Amino acid sequence: MKAEDVKRVGVVGCGVMGSGIVEVCARAGLDVVYLEATKELVEAGRGRIEASTLRAVERGKLPEQERDAALARVSGTTNMADLADRDLVIEAATEHYETKREVFRQLDEVTKPGAILASNTSSIPIVDLGAATTRPDKVVGMHFFNPVPVMGLIEIVRAITTSEETVEFARAFGAVLGKSAVLSRDRAGFIVNMLLIPYLNGAVRMLEERFATREDIDAAVHLGLGHPLGPLQLLDLIGLDTALYVADVLFEEFKEPLFAPPPLLKRMVTAGLLGRKSGKGFYDYGS
């Protein structure tokens, strides 16, 4: 199957990342079905997509009639069997090893044999997800970045079991979505997170040691390095729980101290201070 032949896409999970993937696929003219665990989560996912596309209209990035057409191409379900006719399914479930393995096992059972199965994981080995299926050659990593409608990058991750045809398909599908693709080996963190996590951990350690204030750390990086967000602001956007999970995976694989999550990060996650999605992290988003 060629990327330009894809007409029907499935997305597992419609949280922050999943809803963005649904949106960019629908805006590219594709029929999209997304899967969530409950009807309430299906409705919440739809709400995220509607709100994001409305912001795009208000900012002049998307004509209103194109928004209406894109939303008409999106439907949600709680039934895995509704993904049976999909040409491509992108998994964007919670960053939890056993959960993702089970998702791939079930997708392998319900989807047609030629369907490509992709994961948006930021840290879990693609070879492990492929091993949960009978088609490891058709399993590939497609790691999007938040916010998906804005960020222009996809990391394509090739396991030792992924075929060259599947890698080329993933690259070409990224182009269909208007994204640039980079190719990474299948090891924890891939390209971006392997470079990003030590940087974020370093910012948390600076704050923890009272070396500088959160505002000064973020302003120094924003103004001195030209980053759109400082590291603590970026952690709030990513989600502190996600950052902690990725840091743990990287440290487990490489045993490099720079990957070890700082105690403050662990304490904040335990306290439920997860960043924007919980309303409070390094900054307060309650208003």
C-alpha atoms as a PDB file:
ATOM      1  CA  MET A   1       0.000   0.000   0.000  1.00  0.00           C
ATOM      2  CA  LYS A   2       1.216   3.500  -0.858  1.00  0.00           C
ATOM      3  CA  ALA A   3       0.705   6.451   1.458  1.00  0.00           C
ATOM      4  CA  GLU A   4      -1.334   8.309  -1.154  1.00  0.00           C
ATOM      5  CA  ASP A   5      -3.741   5.347  -1.307  1.00  0.00           C
ATOM      6  CA  VAL A   6      -4.681   5.668   2.377  1.00  0.00           C
ATOM      7  CA  LYS A   7      -8.289   6.788   2.759  1.00  0.00           C
ATOM      8  CA  ARG A   8      -9.251   5.495   6.217  1.00  0.00           C
ATOM      9  CA  VAL A   9      -7.183   6.095   9.357  1.00  0.00           C
ATOM     10  CA  GLY A  10      -7.740   4.908  12.902  1.00  0.00           C
ATOM     11  CA  VAL A  11      -6.321   6.570  16.023  1.00  0.00           C
ATOM     12  CA  VAL A  12      -6.237   4.840  19.400  1.00  0.00           C
ATOM     13  CA  GLY A  13      -6.559   7.455  22.126  1.00  0.00           C
ATOM     14  CA  CYS A  14      -7.917  10.985  21.770  1.00  0.00           C
ATOM     15  CA  GLY A  15      -6.134  12.876  24.507  1.00  0.00           C
ATOM     16  CA  VAL A  16      -3.826  15.801  23.858  1.00  0.00           C
ATOM     17  CA  MET A  17      -1.671  13.947  21.316  1.00  0.00           C
ATOM     18  CA  GLY A  18      -4.348  11.680  19.860  1.00  0.00           C
ATOM     19  CA  SER A  19      -6.768  14.521  19.191  1.00  0.00           C
ATOM     20  CA  GLY A  20      -4.029  16.422  17.373  1.00  0.00           C
ATOM     21  CA  ILE A  21      -3.264  13.393  15.195  1.00  0.00           C
ATOM     22  CA  VAL A  22      -6.972  12.982  14.426  1.00  0.00           C
ATOM     23  CA  GLU A  23      -7.177  16.644  13.471  1.00  0.00           C
ATOM     24  CA  VAL A  24      -4.227  16.674  11.062  1.00  0.00           C
ATOM     25  CA  CYS A  25      -5.448  13.481   9.379  1.00  0.00           C
ATOM     26  CA  ALA A  26      -8.970  14.863   8.954  1.00  0.00           C
ATOM     27  CA  ARG A  27      -7.634  18.176   7.631  1.00  0.00           C
ATOM     28  CA  ALA A  28      -5.615  16.177   5.086  1.00  0.00           C
ATOM     29  CA  GLY A  29      -8.895  14.799   3.703  1.00  0.00           C
ATOM     30  CA  LEU A  30      -8.864  11.395   5.400  1.00  0.00           C
ATOM     31  CA  ASP A  31     -11.738   9.567   7.052  1.00  0.00           C
ATOM     32  CA  VAL A  32     -10.761   9.135  10.728  1.00  0.00           C
ATOM     33  CA  VAL A  33     -12.187   6.942  13.477  1.00  0.00           C
ATOM     34  CA  TYR A  34     -10.707   7.350  16.941  1.00  0.00           C
ATOM     35  CA  LEU A  35     -11.025   4.884  19.805  1.00  0.00           C
ATOM     36  CA  GLU A  36     -11.463   5.758  23.465  1.00  0.00           C
ATOM     37  CA  ALA A  37     -12.258   3.694  26.553  1.00  0.00           C
ATOM     38  CA  THR A  38     -15.585   5.341  27.469  1.00  0.00           C
ATOM     39  CA  LYS A  39     -18.294   7.468  25.879  1.00  0.00           C
ATOM     40  CA  GLU A  40     -17.254  10.335  28.141  1.00  0.00           C
ATOM     41  CA  LEU A  41     -13.701  10.180  26.791  1.00  0.00           C
ATOM     42  CA  VAL A  42     -15.028   9.989  23.232  1.00  0.00           C
ATOM     43  CA  GLU A  43     -16.961  13.212  23.869  1.00  0.00           C
ATOM     44  CA  ALA A  44     -13.952  14.863  25.519  1.00  0.00           C
ATOM     45  CA  GLY A  45     -11.805  13.976  22.512  1.00  0.00           C
ATOM     46  CA  ARG A  46     -14.348  15.439  20.121  1.00  0.00           C
ATOM     47  CA  GLY A  47     -14.385  18.597  22.211  1.00  0.00           C
ATOM     48  CA  ARG A  48     -10.598  18.966  21.911  1.00  0.00           C
ATOM     49  CA  ILE A  49     -10.750  18.599  18.129  1.00  0.00           C
ATOM     50  CA  GLU A  50     -13.599  21.101  17.811  1.00  0.00           C
ATOM     51  CA  ALA A  51     -11.825  23.623  20.047  1.00  0.00           C
ATOM     52  CA  SER A  52      -8.507  23.281  18.212  1.00  0.00           C
ATOM     53  CA  THR A  53     -10.036  23.661  14.758  1.00  0.00           C
ATOM     54  CA  LEU A  54     -12.093  26.634  15.955  1.00  0.00           C
ATOM     55  CA  ARG A  55      -8.895  28.354  17.126  1.00  0.00           C
ATOM     56  CA  ALA A  56      -7.403  27.695  13.687  1.00  0.00           C
ATOM     57  CA  VAL A  57     -10.406  29.387  12.058  1.00  0.00           C
ATOM     58  CA  GLU A  58     -10.218  32.358  14.426  1.00  0.00           C
ATOM     59  CA  ARG A  59      -6.516  32.801  13.648  1.00  0.00           C
ATOM     60  CA  GLY A  60      -7.103  32.674   9.908  1.00  0.00           C
ATOM     61  CA  LYS A  61      -5.256  29.363   9.506  1.00  0.00           C
ATOM     62  CA  LEU A  62      -8.281  27.340   8.401  1.00  0.00           C
ATOM     63  CA  PRO A  63     -11.348  28.386   6.353  1.00  0.00           C
ATOM     64  CA  GLU A  64     -14.597  27.685   8.197  1.00  0.00           C
ATOM     65  CA  GLN A  65     -15.971  25.446   5.446  1.00  0.00           C
ATOM     66  CA  GLU A  66     -12.788  23.340   5.579  1.00  0.00           C
ATOM     67  CA  ARG A  67     -13.222  23.022   9.328  1.00  0.00           C
ATOM     68  CA  ASP A  68     -16.790  21.793   8.825  1.00  0.00           C
ATOM     69  CA  ALA A  69     -15.636  19.282   6.217  1.00  0.00           C
ATOM     70  CA  ALA A  70     -12.813  18.022   8.428  1.00  0.00           C
ATOM     71  CA  LEU A  71     -15.114  17.564  11.434  1.00  0.00           C
ATOM     72  CA  ALA A  72     -17.564  15.637   9.244  1.00  0.00           C
ATOM     73  CA  ARG A  73     -14.780  13.153   8.474  1.00  0.00           C
ATOM     74  CA  VAL A  74     -14.191  12.382  12.191  1.00  0.00           C
ATOM     75  CA  SER A  75     -16.069   9.905  14.366  1.00  0.00           C
ATOM     76  CA  GLY A  76     -15.365   8.358  17.743  1.00  0.00           C
ATOM     77  CA  THR A  77     -16.014   4.888  19.120  1.00  0.00           C
ATOM     78  CA  THR A  78     -15.455   2.696  22.159  1.00  0.00           C
ATOM     79  CA  ASN A  79     -15.399  -0.488  20.055  1.00  0.00           C
ATOM     80  CA  MET A  80     -12.045  -1.717  18.735  1.00  0.00           C
ATOM     81  CA  ALA A  81     -13.869  -3.618  15.966  1.00  0.00           C
ATOM     82  CA  ASP A  82     -14.782  -0.279  14.366  1.00  0.00           C
ATOM     83  CA  LEU A  83     -11.125  -0.013  13.259  1.00  0.00           C
ATOM     84  CA  ALA A  84     -11.377  -3.180  11.155  1.00  0.00           C
ATOM     85  CA  ASP A  85     -11.507  -1.378   7.789  1.00  0.00           C
ATOM     86  CA  ARG A  86      -8.696   1.118   8.490  1.00  0.00           C
ATOM     87  CA  ASP A  87      -5.689   1.291   6.136  1.00  0.00           C
ATOM     88  CA  LEU A  88      -3.490   2.700   8.899  1.00  0.00           C
ATOM     89  CA  VAL A  89      -3.950   2.796  12.675  1.00  0.00           C
ATOM     90  CA  ILE A  90      -1.864   5.146  14.836  1.00  0.00           C
ATOM     91  CA  GLU A  91      -1.719   4.265  18.520  1.00  0.00           C
ATOM     92  CA  ALA A  92      -1.600   7.284  20.860  1.00  0.00           C
ATOM     93  CA  ALA A  93      -2.650   5.621  24.114  1.00  0.00           C
ATOM     94  CA  THR A  94      -1.137   6.344  27.504  1.00  0.00           C
ATOM     95  CA  GLU A  95       2.651   5.947  27.712  1.00  0.00           C
ATOM     96  CA  HIS A  96       2.490   2.607  29.514  1.00  0.00           C
ATOM     97  CA  TYR A  97       4.279  -0.489  28.266  1.00  0.00           C
ATOM     98  CA  GLU A  98       1.686  -3.204  28.970  1.00  0.00           C
ATOM     99  CA  THR A  99      -1.197  -1.007  27.809  1.00  0.00           C
ATOM    100  CA  LYS A 100       0.439  -0.380  24.447  1.00  0.00           C
ATOM    101  CA  ARG A 101       1.379  -4.040  23.978  1.00  0.00           C
ATOM    102  CA  GLU A 102      -2.232  -5.060  24.582  1.00  0.00           C
ATOM    103  CA  VAL A 103      -3.491  -2.412  22.142  1.00  0.00           C
ATOM    104  CA  PHE A 104      -1.222  -3.799  19.415  1.00  0.00           C
ATOM    105  CA  ARG A 105      -2.260  -7.371  20.158  1.00  0.00           C
ATOM    106  CA  GLN A 106      -5.921  -6.409  19.717  1.00  0.00           C
ATOM    107  CA  LEU A 107      -5.273  -4.274  16.639  1.00  0.00           C
ATOM    108  CA  ASP A 108      -3.526  -7.217  15.022  1.00  0.00           C
ATOM    109  CA  GLU A 109      -6.656  -9.309  15.561  1.00  0.00           C
ATOM    110  CA  VAL A 110      -9.239  -6.827  14.262  1.00  0.00           C
ATOM    111  CA  THR A 111      -7.502  -4.983  11.392  1.00  0.00           C
ATOM    112  CA  LYS A 112      -7.035  -6.300   7.874  1.00  0.00           C
ATOM    113  CA  PRO A 113      -3.714  -8.072   7.180  1.00  0.00           C
ATOM    114  CA  GLY A 114      -2.334  -5.294   4.984  1.00  0.00           C
ATOM    115  CA  ALA A 115      -2.973  -2.485   7.453  1.00  0.00           C
ATOM    116  CA  ILE A 116       0.022  -0.603   8.840  1.00  0.00           C
ATOM    117  CA  LEU A 117       0.152  -0.264  12.643  1.00  0.00           C
ATOM    118  CA  ALA A 118       2.048   2.741  13.999  1.00  0.00           C
ATOM    119  CA  SER A 119       2.810   3.985  17.498  1.00  0.00           C
ATOM    120  CA  ASN A 120       3.173   7.557  18.702  1.00  0.00           C
ATOM    121  CA  THR A 121       5.252   6.367  21.667  1.00  0.00           C
ATOM    122  CA  SER A 122       8.079   8.638  22.754  1.00  0.00           C
ATOM    123  CA  SER A 123      10.107   5.958  24.501  1.00  0.00           C
ATOM    124  CA  ILE A 124       8.840   2.345  24.228  1.00  0.00           C
ATOM    125  CA  PRO A 125      10.798   0.107  21.815  1.00  0.00           C
ATOM    126  CA  ILE A 126       8.884  -0.438  18.577  1.00  0.00           C
ATOM    127  CA  VAL A 127      10.257  -3.975  18.346  1.00  0.00           C
ATOM    128  CA  ASP A 128       8.366  -4.841  21.545  1.00  0.00           C
ATOM    129  CA  LEU A 129       5.089  -3.553  20.099  1.00  0.00           C
ATOM    130  CA  GLY A 130       5.687  -5.401  16.833  1.00  0.00           C
ATOM    131  CA  ALA A 131       6.335  -8.612  18.764  1.00  0.00           C
ATOM    132  CA  ALA A 132       2.794  -8.416  20.143  1.00  0.00           C
ATOM    133  CA  THR A 133       1.485  -8.870  16.568  1.00  0.00           C
ATOM    134  CA  THR A 134       1.748 -11.356  13.723  1.00  0.00           C
ATOM    135  CA  ARG A 135       2.947  -8.568  11.380  1.00  0.00           C
ATOM    136  CA  PRO A 136       6.050  -6.995  12.980  1.00  0.00           C
ATOM    137  CA  ASP A 137       7.226  -5.955   9.513  1.00  0.00           C
ATOM    138  CA  LYS A 138       4.228  -3.612   9.302  1.00  0.00           C
ATOM    139  CA  VAL A 139       4.733  -2.000  12.736  1.00  0.00           C
ATOM    140  CA  VAL A 140       6.564   1.347  12.854  1.00  0.00           C
ATOM    141  CA  GLY A 141       7.041   4.314  15.144  1.00  0.00           C
ATOM    142  CA  MET A 142       5.482   7.630  14.120  1.00  0.00           C
ATOM    143  CA  HIS A 143       6.281  10.033  16.936  1.00  0.00           C
ATOM    144  CA  PHE A 144       4.405  13.331  16.573  1.00  0.00           C
ATOM    145  CA  PHE A 145       5.091  16.466  18.607  1.00  0.00           C
ATOM    146  CA  ASN A 146       2.764  18.656  20.661  1.00  0.00           C
ATOM    147  CA  PRO A 147       0.819  20.616  19.489  1.00  0.00           C
ATOM    148  CA  VAL A 148       0.434  18.256  16.543  1.00  0.00           C
ATOM    149  CA  PRO A 149      -1.393  20.692  14.188  1.00  0.00           C
ATOM    150  CA  VAL A 150       1.452  23.209  14.614  1.00  0.00           C
ATOM    151  CA  MET A 151       4.641  21.161  14.955  1.00  0.00           C
ATOM    152  CA  GLY A 152       6.072  20.117  11.609  1.00  0.00           C
ATOM    153  CA  LEU A 153       8.069  17.044  12.651  1.00  0.00           C
ATOM    154  CA  ILE A 154       7.483  13.294  12.833  1.00  0.00           C
ATOM    155  CA  GLU A 155      10.169  10.914  14.061  1.00  0.00           C
ATOM    156  CA  ILE A 156       9.944   7.689  12.051  1.00  0.00           C
ATOM    157  CA  VAL A 157      11.286   4.845  14.176  1.00  0.00           C
ATOM    158  CA  ARG A 158      12.364   1.630  12.521  1.00  0.00           C
ATOM    159  CA  ALA A 159      12.609  -1.542  14.582  1.00  0.00           C
ATOM    160  CA  ILE A 160      14.881  -4.344  13.423  1.00  0.00           C
ATOM    161  CA  THR A 161      11.686  -6.109  12.338  1.00  0.00           C
ATOM    162  CA  THR A 162      10.175  -3.173  10.397  1.00  0.00           C
ATOM    163  CA  SER A 163      10.357  -3.594   6.619  1.00  0.00           C
ATOM    164  CA  GLU A 164      11.876  -0.992   4.313  1.00  0.00           C
ATOM    165  CA  GLU A 165       8.483  -0.684   2.599  1.00  0.00           C
ATOM    166  CA  THR A 166       6.822   0.227   5.905  1.00  0.00           C
ATOM    167  CA  VAL A 167       9.494   2.830   6.679  1.00  0.00           C
ATOM    168  CA  GLU A 168       9.050   4.438   3.256  1.00  0.00           C
ATOM    169  CA  PHE A 169       5.274   4.332   3.704  1.00  0.00           C
ATOM    170  CA  ALA A 170       5.573   6.171   7.042  1.00  0.00           C
ATOM    171  CA  ARG A 171       7.850   8.808   5.536  1.00  0.00           C
ATOM    172  CA  ALA A 172       5.452   9.367   2.639  1.00  0.00           C
ATOM    173  CA  PHE A 173       2.432   9.496   4.939  1.00  0.00           C
ATOM    174  CA  GLY A 174       4.142  12.212   6.947  1.00  0.00           C
ATOM    175  CA  ALA A 175       4.368  14.223   3.741  1.00  0.00           C
ATOM    176  CA  VAL A 176       0.645  13.636   3.124  1.00  0.00           C
ATOM    177  CA  LEU A 177       0.036  15.328   6.492  1.00  0.00           C
ATOM    178  CA  GLY A 178       2.393  18.175   5.625  1.00  0.00           C
ATOM    179  CA  LYS A 179       5.062  17.023   8.088  1.00  0.00           C
ATOM    180  CA  SER A 180       8.799  16.588   7.705  1.00  0.00           C
ATOM    181  CA  ALA A 181      10.117  13.174   8.727  1.00  0.00           C
ATOM    182  CA  VAL A 182      13.392  12.150  10.320  1.00  0.00           C
ATOM    183  CA  LEU A 183      14.482   8.532  10.713  1.00  0.00           C
ATOM    184  CA  SER A 184      15.620   7.197  14.070  1.00  0.00           C
ATOM    185  CA  ARG A 185      16.934   3.895  15.320  1.00  0.00           C
ATOM    186  CA  ASP A 186      14.724   1.991  17.727  1.00  0.00           C
ATOM    187  CA  ARG A 187      16.194   2.814  21.100  1.00  0.00           C
ATOM    188  CA  ALA A 188      14.790   4.659  24.104  1.00  0.00           C
ATOM    189  CA  GLY A 189      14.156   8.365  23.523  1.00  0.00           C
ATOM    190  CA  PHE A 190      14.813   8.212  19.764  1.00  0.00           C
ATOM    191  CA  ILE A 191      16.408  11.514  18.652  1.00  0.00           C
ATOM    192  CA  VAL A 192      14.500  14.348  20.285  1.00  0.00           C
ATOM    193  CA  ASN A 193      13.847  12.977  23.774  1.00  0.00           C
ATOM    194  CA  MET A 194      17.366  11.601  24.124  1.00  0.00           C
ATOM    195  CA  LEU A 195      18.609  15.177  23.716  1.00  0.00           C
ATOM    196  CA  LEU A 196      15.677  16.854  25.469  1.00  0.00           C
ATOM    197  CA  ILE A 197      15.395  14.928  28.744  1.00  0.00           C
ATOM    198  CA  PRO A 198      18.867  15.783  30.146  1.00  0.00           C
ATOM    199  CA  TYR A 199      18.152  19.453  29.375  1.00  0.00           C
ATOM    200  CA  LEU A 200      14.780  19.386  31.138  1.00  0.00           C
ATOM    201  CA  ASN A 201      16.203  17.456  34.096  1.00  0.00           C
ATOM    202  CA  GLY A 202      18.966  20.055  34.385  1.00  0.00           C
ATOM    203  CA  ALA A 203      16.421  22.883  34.593  1.00  0.00           C
ATOM    204  CA  VAL A 204      14.505  21.077  37.352  1.00  0.00           C
ATOM    205  CA  ARG A 205      17.744  20.506  39.287  1.00  0.00           C
ATOM    206  CA  MET A 206      18.580  24.223  38.973  1.00  0.00           C
ATOM    207  CA  LEU A 207      15.209  25.110  40.475  1.00  0.00           C
ATOM    208  CA  GLU A 208      15.504  22.398  43.113  1.00  0.00           C
ATOM    209  CA  GLU A 209      18.899  23.747  44.217  1.00  0.00           C
ATOM    210  CA  ARG A 210      17.555  27.341  44.200  1.00  0.00           C
ATOM    211  CA  PHE A 211      20.237  28.257  41.702  1.00  0.00           C
ATOM    212  CA  ALA A 212      17.719  30.524  39.934  1.00  0.00           C
ATOM    213  CA  THR A 213      13.984  31.213  39.951  1.00  0.00           C
ATOM    214  CA  ARG A 214      11.614  29.459  37.568  1.00  0.00           C
ATOM    215  CA  GLU A 215      11.003  32.769  35.766  1.00  0.00           C
ATOM    216  CA  ASP A 216      14.702  33.463  35.308  1.00  0.00           C
ATOM    217  CA  ILE A 217      15.478  29.933  34.120  1.00  0.00           C
ATOM    218  CA  ASP A 218      12.720  30.134  31.514  1.00  0.00           C
ATOM    219  CA  ALA A 219      13.546  33.706  30.474  1.00  0.00           C
ATOM    220  CA  ALA A 220      17.250  32.843  30.079  1.00  0.00           C
ATOM    221  CA  VAL A 221      16.484  30.011  27.672  1.00  0.00           C
ATOM    222  CA  HIS A 222      13.737  31.910  25.839  1.00  0.00           C
ATOM    223  CA  LEU A 223      15.787  35.076  25.300  1.00  0.00           C
ATOM    224  CA  GLY A 224      19.299  33.644  25.328  1.00  0.00           C
ATOM    225  CA  LEU A 225      18.749  30.559  23.186  1.00  0.00           C
ATOM    226  CA  GLY A 226      15.722  31.675  21.191  1.00  0.00           C
ATOM    227  CA  HIS A 227      13.478  28.816  22.335  1.00  0.00           C
ATOM    228  CA  PRO A 228       9.734  29.565  22.156  1.00  0.00           C
ATOM    229  CA  LEU A 229       9.295  28.214  25.709  1.00  0.00           C
ATOM    230  CA  GLY A 230      11.624  27.878  28.659  1.00  0.00           C
ATOM    231  CA  PRO A 231      12.290  24.351  29.992  1.00  0.00           C
ATOM    232  CA  LEU A 232       9.899  24.552  32.946  1.00  0.00           C
ATOM    233  CA  GLN A 233       7.145  25.959  30.735  1.00  0.00           C
ATOM    234  CA  LEU A 234       7.840  23.161  28.267  1.00  0.00           C
ATOM    235  CA  LEU A 235       7.594  20.547  31.017  1.00  0.00           C
ATOM    236  CA  ASP A 236       4.175  21.921  31.947  1.00  0.00           C
ATOM    237  CA  LEU A 237       3.125  21.613  28.301  1.00  0.00           C
ATOM    238  CA  ILE A 238       4.467  18.066  27.884  1.00  0.00           C
ATOM    239  CA  GLY A 239       3.059  16.889  31.217  1.00  0.00           C
ATOM    240  CA  LEU A 240       5.339  16.169  34.155  1.00  0.00           C
ATOM    241  CA  ASP A 241       4.111  12.573  34.365  1.00  0.00           C
ATOM    242  CA  THR A 242       5.045  11.955  30.727  1.00  0.00           C
ATOM    243  CA  ALA A 243       8.468  13.546  31.200  1.00  0.00           C
ATOM    244  CA  LEU A 244       9.058  11.433  34.313  1.00  0.00           C
ATOM    245  CA  TYR A 245       8.100   8.251  32.496  1.00  0.00           C
ATOM    246  CA  VAL A 246      10.427   8.977  29.578  1.00  0.00           C
ATOM    247  CA  ALA A 247      13.273   9.890  31.934  1.00  0.00           C
ATOM    248  CA  ASP A 248      12.797   6.605  33.799  1.00  0.00           C
ATOM    249  CA  VAL A 249      12.853   4.612  30.549  1.00  0.00           C
ATOM    250  CA  LEU A 250      16.014   6.372  29.358  1.00  0.00           C
ATOM    251  CA  PHE A 251      17.784   5.861  32.686  1.00  0.00           C
ATOM    252  CA  GLU A 252      16.770   2.197  32.765  1.00  0.00           C
ATOM    253  CA  GLU A 253      18.197   1.614  29.281  1.00  0.00           C
ATOM    254  CA  PHE A 254      21.412   3.651  29.458  1.00  0.00           C
ATOM    255  CA  LYS A 255      22.141   4.076  33.201  1.00  0.00           C
ATOM    256  CA  GLU A 256      23.349   7.597  32.404  1.00  0.00           C
ATOM    257  CA  PRO A 257      22.941   9.906  35.473  1.00  0.00           C
ATOM    258  CA  LEU A 258      21.813  12.822  33.295  1.00  0.00           C
ATOM    259  CA  PHE A 259      18.686  10.814  32.413  1.00  0.00           C
ATOM    260  CA  ALA A 260      17.776  10.146  36.068  1.00  0.00           C
ATOM    261  CA  PRO A 261      14.691  12.196  37.017  1.00  0.00           C
ATOM    262  CA  PRO A 262      15.315  14.763  39.781  1.00  0.00           C
ATOM    263  CA  PRO A 263      13.528  14.175  43.125  1.00  0.00           C
ATOM    264  CA  LEU A 264      11.482  17.376  42.677  1.00  0.00           C
ATOM    265  CA  LEU A 265      10.006  16.033  39.431  1.00  0.00           C
ATOM    266  CA  LYS A 266       9.000  12.795  41.164  1.00  0.00           C
ATOM    267  CA  ARG A 267       7.430  14.653  44.107  1.00  0.00           C
ATOM    268  CA  MET A 268       5.411  16.928  41.840  1.00  0.00           C
ATOM    269  CA  VAL A 269       4.012  13.978  39.888  1.00  0.00           C
ATOM    270  CA  THR A 270       3.101  12.212  43.134  1.00  0.00           C
ATOM    271  CA  ALA A 271       1.290  15.377  44.228  1.00  0.00           C
ATOM    272  CA  GLY A 272      -0.673  15.506  40.965  1.00  0.00           C
ATOM    273  CA  LEU A 273       1.069  18.664  39.758  1.00  0.00           C
ATOM    274  CA  LEU A 274       1.282  17.546  36.139  1.00  0.00           C
ATOM    275  CA  GLY A 275       1.333  20.885  34.322  1.00  0.00           C
ATOM    276  CA  ARG A 276      -1.297  22.376  32.057  1.00  0.00           C
ATOM    277  CA  LYS A 277      -3.454  19.249  31.905  1.00  0.00           C
ATOM    278  CA  SER A 278      -3.948  19.250  35.697  1.00  0.00           C
ATOM    279  CA  GLY A 279      -4.156  23.038  36.005  1.00  0.00           C
ATOM    280  CA  LYS A 280      -0.907  23.387  37.923  1.00  0.00           C
ATOM    281  CA  GLY A 281       2.717  22.371  37.519  1.00  0.00           C
ATOM    282  CA  PHE A 282       5.683  24.691  37.731  1.00  0.00           C
ATOM    283  CA  TYR A 283       3.129  27.405  36.954  1.00  0.00           C
ATOM    284  CA  ASP A 284      -0.550  27.802  37.903  1.00  0.00           C
ATOM    285  CA  TYR A 285      -3.078  27.543  35.048  1.00  0.00           C
ATOM    286  CA  GLY A 286      -6.187  27.728  37.201  1.00  0.00           C
ATOM    287  CA  SER A 287      -7.368  30.986  35.681  1.00  0.00           C
END
